[in-house]
Amino acid sequence: MSGKTPAIGKDRVVLLNTEYRQLIRPGLVHQANGGYLLIEARKLLTQPFAWESLKRALQQSAIRIESLEQMLALNSTISLEPQPIPLQLKVILLGDRMLYYLLSLYDPDFETLFKAAADFGEEIARTSENQRLYTRLLATRSRAFSTCAKHAV
């Protein structure tokens, strides 16, 4: 979610004469920095350590690129440690009501990190006005998605 860096084993002497910046890969948070990140809450919560990583980045207002091995001290390698990147990001979690209530209840940081909730009805009357508005919403989201997809390539 926050990126990755290459590692060099302690038992080997390796001379890095390559352009190391080409080896660092940005994660979703880094790519969305300065804008909005829309993410499905259920998918975020099912990825190991992704929820905690996102919360840490939002709390610190910084992206720290570190591997899972570094976080858990599981390997004996020396790795590049890039400087933290300042983070300005608005995160929009998408999910059902029950997930919202569970996060509010069981995660003490949830309500401080996600201050506003928008709840949409599950059913809507099928009128010509509602159809027109829904079509306009889909067109706007499609254009926004196309713009994001062009920048991601």
Protein backbone atom coordinates (compact mmCIF):
# COMPACT_ATOMS: atom_id res chain seq x y z
CA MET A 1 0.00 0.00 0.00
CA SER A 2 2.80 2.44 0.84
CA GLY A 3 5.51 1.19 -1.55
CA LYS A 4 8.57 -1.06 -1.43
CA THR A 5 12.36 -0.88 -1.62
CA PRO A 6 15.01 -3.46 -2.51
CA ALA A 7 17.08 -5.18 0.21
CA ILE A 8 20.77 -6.09 0.35
CA GLY A 9 21.91 -9.08 2.43
CA LYS A 10 24.35 -8.42 5.29
CA ASP A 11 26.41 -11.48 4.38
CA ARG A 12 27.23 -10.07 0.94
CA VAL A 13 29.11 -6.96 -0.08
CA VAL A 14 27.15 -5.32 -2.85
CA LEU A 15 28.18 -2.17 -4.65
CA LEU A 16 25.16 -0.17 -5.73
CA ASN A 17 26.20 1.70 -8.81
CA THR A 18 22.75 1.72 -10.32
CA GLU A 19 20.08 4.37 -10.16
CA TYR A 20 18.34 3.26 -6.95
CA ARG A 21 15.35 5.55 -7.47
CA GLN A 22 14.24 3.25 -10.30
CA LEU A 23 13.98 0.39 -7.79
CA ILE A 24 11.54 2.12 -5.43
CA ARG A 25 7.92 1.42 -6.31
CA PRO A 26 5.08 3.71 -5.18
CA GLY A 27 1.97 2.30 -3.51
CA LEU A 28 -1.65 3.44 -3.77
CA VAL A 29 -1.30 6.08 -1.06
CA HIS A 30 1.73 7.60 -2.78
CA GLN A 31 -0.02 7.63 -6.16
CA ALA A 32 -3.08 9.36 -4.67
CA ASN A 33 -1.04 11.88 -2.61
CA GLY A 34 -2.43 15.39 -3.07
CA GLY A 35 -5.86 14.10 -4.04
CA TYR A 36 -8.44 11.50 -3.11
CA LEU A 37 -8.17 7.77 -2.53
CA LEU A 38 -11.40 5.82 -2.96
CA ILE A 39 -11.01 2.34 -1.57
CA GLU A 40 -13.38 -0.49 -0.77
CA ALA A 41 -13.22 -0.99 2.99
CA ARG A 42 -13.73 -4.76 2.89
CA LYS A 43 -10.81 -5.25 0.47
CA LEU A 44 -8.62 -2.95 2.55
CA LEU A 45 -9.38 -4.85 5.74
CA THR A 46 -8.70 -8.25 4.17
CA GLN A 47 -5.18 -7.30 3.05
CA PRO A 48 -2.67 -8.10 5.80
CA PHE A 49 -1.35 -4.95 7.50
CA ALA A 50 -2.97 -2.63 4.91
CA TRP A 51 -5.45 -1.08 7.39
CA GLU A 52 -2.74 -0.37 9.97
CA SER A 53 -0.43 1.01 7.29
CA LEU A 54 -3.11 3.40 6.00
CA LYS A 55 -3.99 4.55 9.53
CA ARG A 56 -0.32 5.15 10.36
CA ALA A 57 0.17 7.22 7.19
CA LEU A 58 -2.93 9.33 7.92
CA GLN A 59 -2.01 9.84 11.59
CA GLN A 60 1.57 10.87 10.77
CA SER A 61 0.62 12.82 7.61
CA ALA A 62 3.56 11.08 5.97
CA ILE A 63 4.26 8.09 3.77
CA ARG A 64 7.02 5.88 5.09
CA ILE A 65 8.16 3.27 2.62
CA GLU A 66 9.02 0.14 4.52
CA SER A 67 8.72 -3.55 3.77
CA LEU A 68 6.74 -6.00 5.82
CA GLU A 69 10.00 -7.71 6.77
CA GLN A 70 11.31 -4.42 8.18
CA MET A 71 8.13 -3.77 10.14
CA LEU A 72 8.21 -7.22 11.72
CA ALA A 73 12.03 -7.52 11.91
CA LEU A 74 11.90 -10.85 10.08
CA ASN A 75 15.04 -10.60 7.98
CA SER A 76 18.65 -9.63 8.39
CA THR A 77 19.04 -7.37 5.41
CA ILE A 78 20.05 -3.79 5.01
CA SER A 79 17.53 -1.87 2.99
CA LEU A 80 17.26 1.59 1.55
CA GLU A 81 15.25 3.87 3.82
CA PRO A 82 13.82 6.76 1.82
CA GLN A 83 12.85 9.92 3.68
CA PRO A 84 9.17 10.14 4.66
CA ILE A 85 7.02 11.83 2.04
CA PRO A 86 4.58 14.50 3.28
CA LEU A 87 1.02 13.27 2.83
CA GLN A 88 -2.00 15.34 1.88
CA LEU A 89 -4.78 12.90 1.15
CA LYS A 90 -8.52 12.54 1.51
CA VAL A 91 -9.56 8.90 1.91
CA ILE A 92 -13.06 7.75 1.03
CA LEU A 93 -13.92 4.30 2.34
CA LEU A 94 -16.71 2.53 0.48
CA GLY A 95 -18.65 -0.17 2.26
CA ASP A 96 -21.89 -1.26 3.82
CA ARG A 97 -23.44 0.10 7.00
CA MET A 98 -22.57 -2.92 9.12
CA LEU A 99 -18.86 -2.54 8.32
CA TYR A 100 -19.04 1.15 9.25
CA TYR A 101 -20.66 0.32 12.59
CA LEU A 102 -18.14 -2.44 13.31
CA LEU A 103 -15.18 -0.15 12.57
CA SER A 104 -16.72 2.60 14.72
CA LEU A 105 -17.17 0.16 17.57
CA TYR A 106 -13.92 -1.80 17.47
CA ASP A 107 -11.31 0.63 16.13
CA PRO A 108 -10.70 3.59 18.46
CA ASP A 109 -8.95 5.56 15.69
CA PHE A 110 -11.72 5.20 13.13
CA GLU A 111 -13.89 8.16 14.08
CA THR A 112 -10.92 10.53 14.42
CA LEU A 113 -9.55 9.55 11.00
CA PHE A 114 -12.90 9.36 9.19
CA LYS A 115 -15.00 12.23 10.49
CA ALA A 116 -17.82 12.30 7.95
CA ALA A 117 -20.16 9.50 6.93
CA ALA A 118 -22.42 9.47 3.92
CA ASP A 119 -25.22 6.95 3.91
CA PHE A 120 -27.12 6.27 0.72
CA GLY A 121 -30.45 4.54 0.58
CA GLU A 122 -30.47 1.01 -0.73
CA GLU A 123 -33.52 1.64 -2.86
CA ILE A 124 -34.57 4.62 -4.93
CA ALA A 125 -37.75 5.40 -6.83
CA ARG A 126 -37.37 4.89 -10.59
CA THR A 127 -38.41 8.26 -11.95
CA SER A 128 -37.14 10.00 -15.06
CA GLU A 129 -35.43 12.64 -12.87
CA ASN A 130 -33.65 10.00 -10.76
CA GLN A 131 -32.58 8.14 -13.91
CA ARG A 132 -31.16 11.35 -15.36
CA LEU A 133 -29.27 12.14 -12.15
CA TYR A 134 -27.94 8.59 -11.87
CA THR A 135 -26.77 8.64 -15.49
CA ARG A 136 -25.00 11.93 -14.86
CA LEU A 137 -23.32 10.46 -11.76
CA LEU A 138 -22.10 7.44 -13.75
CA ALA A 139 -20.78 9.67 -16.55
CA THR A 140 -18.91 11.87 -14.05
CA ARG A 141 -17.40 8.85 -12.28
CA SER A 142 -16.45 7.31 -15.63
CA ARG A 143 -14.63 10.48 -16.73
CA ALA A 144 -12.85 10.68 -13.37
CA PHE A 145 -11.84 7.02 -13.62
CA SER A 146 -10.55 7.53 -17.18
CA THR A 147 -8.46 10.48 -16.03
CA CYS A 148 -7.01 8.48 -13.10
CA ALA A 149 -6.28 5.50 -15.36
CA LYS A 150 -4.37 7.72 -17.82
CA HIS A 151 -2.20 9.10 -15.01
CA ALA A 152 -1.53 5.65 -13.56
CA VAL A 153 0.07 4.38 -16.78
